[in-house]
Amino acid sequence: TDAELDALEPLVSGLERLEDRDDFYALDQKFHREVVRLARNPLLAECYRATFAQLAEIRQEFPFLQVQFAQAIENQRTLYAALRSRDRQRIEDALKDHLRATEIIYLGQPIEGF
């Protein structure tokens, strides 16, 4: 609904005011949890839970992996705008771009074939 999408905006704009990595991750995860919740898809929810648990472990093991604040904010803004548009292709493209950026951060390159 419009109201549910409206509730995402403060999570996106809040990222722009944060400089602490842990605070940034916490708000970023809250945004992702809300997007997953709004999808109302149990399989997506389980994939999200497992993936973010693994990413949290990686961040603990390799603390030098620094969040790229500007890129993360741009990813969230793009995804939020796509969700607002309700354009399926635009949402899919935004998600793919977001995943590709995450792959580059954690793996050094995008995973081909996905």
C-alpha atoms as a PDB file:
ATOM      1  CA  THR A   1       0.000   0.000   0.000  1.00  0.00           C
ATOM      2  CA  ASP A   2       1.025   3.626  -0.281  1.00  0.00           C
ATOM      3  CA  ALA A   3       1.181   3.891   3.502  1.00  0.00           C
ATOM      4  CA  GLU A   4       3.525   0.909   3.730  1.00  0.00           C
ATOM      5  CA  LEU A   5       5.790   2.374   1.080  1.00  0.00           C
ATOM      6  CA  ASP A   6       5.661   5.781   2.784  1.00  0.00           C
ATOM      7  CA  ALA A   7       6.989   4.118   5.940  1.00  0.00           C
ATOM      8  CA  LEU A   8      10.156   3.080   4.068  1.00  0.00           C
ATOM      9  CA  GLU A   9      11.176   6.634   3.179  1.00  0.00           C
ATOM     10  CA  PRO A  10      12.473   7.613   6.658  1.00  0.00           C
ATOM     11  CA  LEU A  11      14.610   4.476   6.670  1.00  0.00           C
ATOM     12  CA  VAL A  12      16.210   5.504   3.381  1.00  0.00           C
ATOM     13  CA  SER A  13      16.661   9.162   4.261  1.00  0.00           C
ATOM     14  CA  GLY A  14      17.940   8.218   7.718  1.00  0.00           C
ATOM     15  CA  LEU A  15      20.929   6.494   6.146  1.00  0.00           C
ATOM     16  CA  GLU A  16      22.153   9.831   4.820  1.00  0.00           C
ATOM     17  CA  ARG A  17      22.600  11.181   8.344  1.00  0.00           C
ATOM     18  CA  LEU A  18      24.610   8.269   9.733  1.00  0.00           C
ATOM     19  CA  GLU A  19      28.382   8.070   9.861  1.00  0.00           C
ATOM     20  CA  ASP A  20      28.847   5.179  12.276  1.00  0.00           C
ATOM     21  CA  ARG A  21      29.201   1.866  10.445  1.00  0.00           C
ATOM     22  CA  ASP A  22      27.246  -0.177  12.997  1.00  0.00           C
ATOM     23  CA  ASP A  23      24.367   2.317  13.093  1.00  0.00           C
ATOM     24  CA  PHE A  24      24.342   2.386   9.305  1.00  0.00           C
ATOM     25  CA  TYR A  25      24.186  -1.416   9.068  1.00  0.00           C
ATOM     26  CA  ALA A  26      21.381  -1.550  11.634  1.00  0.00           C
ATOM     27  CA  LEU A  27      19.211   0.923   9.724  1.00  0.00           C
ATOM     28  CA  ASP A  28      20.103  -0.663   6.394  1.00  0.00           C
ATOM     29  CA  GLN A  29      19.015  -4.057   7.715  1.00  0.00           C
ATOM     30  CA  LYS A  30      15.784  -2.559   9.029  1.00  0.00           C
ATOM     31  CA  PHE A  31      15.064  -1.233   5.520  1.00  0.00           C
ATOM     32  CA  HIS A  32      15.716  -4.657   4.016  1.00  0.00           C
ATOM     33  CA  ARG A  33      13.586  -6.432   6.632  1.00  0.00           C
ATOM     34  CA  GLU A  34      10.701  -4.094   5.865  1.00  0.00           C
ATOM     35  CA  VAL A  35      11.000  -4.623   2.109  1.00  0.00           C
ATOM     36  CA  VAL A  36      10.984  -8.382   2.670  1.00  0.00           C
ATOM     37  CA  ARG A  37       8.018  -8.110   5.040  1.00  0.00           C
ATOM     38  CA  LEU A  38       6.081  -6.068   2.484  1.00  0.00           C
ATOM     39  CA  ALA A  39       6.709  -8.748  -0.138  1.00  0.00           C
ATOM     40  CA  ARG A  40       4.710 -11.192   2.004  1.00  0.00           C
ATOM     41  CA  ASN A  41       6.767 -14.079   0.651  1.00  0.00           C
ATOM     42  CA  PRO A  42       7.928 -16.689   3.217  1.00  0.00           C
ATOM     43  CA  LEU A  43      10.603 -18.093   0.885  1.00  0.00           C
ATOM     44  CA  LEU A  44      12.076 -14.635   0.345  1.00  0.00           C
ATOM     45  CA  ALA A  45      11.983 -14.044   4.109  1.00  0.00           C
ATOM     46  CA  GLU A  46      13.956 -17.238   4.759  1.00  0.00           C
ATOM     47  CA  CYS A  47      16.501 -16.419   2.038  1.00  0.00           C
ATOM     48  CA  TYR A  48      16.927 -12.936   3.488  1.00  0.00           C
ATOM     49  CA  ARG A  49      17.389 -14.290   7.017  1.00  0.00           C
ATOM     50  CA  ALA A  50      20.032 -16.795   5.927  1.00  0.00           C
ATOM     51  CA  THR A  51      21.877 -14.350   3.681  1.00  0.00           C
ATOM     52  CA  PHE A  52      22.037 -11.549   6.231  1.00  0.00           C
ATOM     53  CA  ALA A  53      23.200 -13.978   8.913  1.00  0.00           C
ATOM     54  CA  GLN A  54      26.095 -14.974   6.642  1.00  0.00           C
ATOM     55  CA  LEU A  55      26.914 -11.356   5.808  1.00  0.00           C
ATOM     56  CA  ALA A  56      26.964 -10.486   9.517  1.00  0.00           C
ATOM     57  CA  GLU A  57      29.494 -13.271  10.111  1.00  0.00           C
ATOM     58  CA  ILE A  58      31.635 -12.037   7.232  1.00  0.00           C
ATOM     59  CA  ARG A  59      31.590  -8.479   8.591  1.00  0.00           C
ATOM     60  CA  GLN A  60      32.726  -9.777  12.003  1.00  0.00           C
ATOM     61  CA  GLU A  61      35.493 -11.905  10.513  1.00  0.00           C
ATOM     62  CA  PHE A  62      36.678  -9.261   8.054  1.00  0.00           C
ATOM     63  CA  PRO A  63      36.059  -5.872   9.692  1.00  0.00           C
ATOM     64  CA  PHE A  64      38.117  -4.135   7.003  1.00  0.00           C
ATOM     65  CA  LEU A  65      35.181  -4.585   4.627  1.00  0.00           C
ATOM     66  CA  GLN A  66      33.890  -1.065   4.851  1.00  0.00           C
ATOM     67  CA  VAL A  67      30.421  -0.127   3.827  1.00  0.00           C
ATOM     68  CA  GLN A  68      30.447   2.290   0.950  1.00  0.00           C
ATOM     69  CA  PHE A  69      27.920   4.747   2.326  1.00  0.00           C
ATOM     70  CA  ALA A  70      27.251   6.653  -0.905  1.00  0.00           C
ATOM     71  CA  GLN A  71      26.752   3.451  -2.902  1.00  0.00           C
ATOM     72  CA  ALA A  72      24.491   1.898  -0.264  1.00  0.00           C
ATOM     73  CA  ILE A  73      22.355   5.037  -0.051  1.00  0.00           C
ATOM     74  CA  GLU A  74      22.057   5.176  -3.830  1.00  0.00           C
ATOM     75  CA  ASN A  75      21.056   1.502  -3.897  1.00  0.00           C
ATOM     76  CA  GLN A  76      18.320   2.098  -1.317  1.00  0.00           C
ATOM     77  CA  ARG A  77      17.047   5.241  -3.038  1.00  0.00           C
ATOM     78  CA  THR A  78      16.902   3.449  -6.395  1.00  0.00           C
ATOM     79  CA  LEU A  79      15.091   0.464  -4.911  1.00  0.00           C
ATOM     80  CA  TYR A  80      12.688   2.694  -2.995  1.00  0.00           C
ATOM     81  CA  ALA A  81      11.846   4.674  -6.150  1.00  0.00           C
ATOM     82  CA  ALA A  82      11.333   1.431  -8.063  1.00  0.00           C
ATOM     83  CA  LEU A  83       9.006   0.092  -5.376  1.00  0.00           C
ATOM     84  CA  ARG A  84       7.039   3.347  -5.426  1.00  0.00           C
ATOM     85  CA  SER A  85       6.681   3.064  -9.189  1.00  0.00           C
ATOM     86  CA  ARG A  86       5.215  -0.451  -8.854  1.00  0.00           C
ATOM     87  CA  ASP A  87       6.937  -1.209 -12.171  1.00  0.00           C
ATOM     88  CA  ARG A  88       7.949  -4.876 -11.995  1.00  0.00           C
ATOM     89  CA  GLN A  89      10.874  -4.507 -14.447  1.00  0.00           C
ATOM     90  CA  ARG A  90      12.196  -1.421 -12.683  1.00  0.00           C
ATOM     91  CA  ILE A  91      12.060  -3.232  -9.322  1.00  0.00           C
ATOM     92  CA  GLU A  92      13.821  -6.270 -10.775  1.00  0.00           C
ATOM     93  CA  ASP A  93      16.540  -4.089 -12.312  1.00  0.00           C
ATOM     94  CA  ALA A  94      17.041  -2.198  -9.044  1.00  0.00           C
ATOM     95  CA  LEU A  95      17.362  -5.457  -7.098  1.00  0.00           C
ATOM     96  CA  LYS A  96      19.827  -6.905  -9.599  1.00  0.00           C
ATOM     97  CA  ASP A  97      21.961  -3.752  -9.484  1.00  0.00           C
ATOM     98  CA  HIS A  98      21.879  -3.803  -5.688  1.00  0.00           C
ATOM     99  CA  LEU A  99      22.920  -7.457  -5.529  1.00  0.00           C
ATOM    100  CA  ARG A 100      25.693  -6.874  -8.054  1.00  0.00           C
ATOM    101  CA  ALA A 101      27.089  -4.009  -5.962  1.00  0.00           C
ATOM    102  CA  THR A 102      26.986  -6.231  -2.861  1.00  0.00           C
ATOM    103  CA  GLU A 103      28.745  -9.052  -4.704  1.00  0.00           C
ATOM    104  CA  ILE A 104      31.524  -6.668  -5.714  1.00  0.00           C
ATOM    105  CA  ILE A 105      31.997  -5.504  -2.113  1.00  0.00           C
ATOM    106  CA  TYR A 106      32.145  -9.001  -0.647  1.00  0.00           C
ATOM    107  CA  LEU A 107      33.571 -11.032  -3.527  1.00  0.00           C
ATOM    108  CA  GLY A 108      35.514  -8.467  -5.511  1.00  0.00           C
ATOM    109  CA  GLN A 109      33.424  -9.160  -8.607  1.00  0.00           C
ATOM    110  CA  PRO A 110      29.839  -9.901  -9.562  1.00  0.00           C
ATOM    111  CA  ILE A 111      28.639 -13.479  -9.781  1.00  0.00           C
ATOM    112  CA  GLU A 112      28.060 -14.264 -13.429  1.00  0.00           C
ATOM    113  CA  GLY A 113      24.957 -16.060 -14.602  1.00  0.00           C
ATOM    114  CA  PHE A 114      22.514 -14.696 -12.047  1.00  0.00           C
END
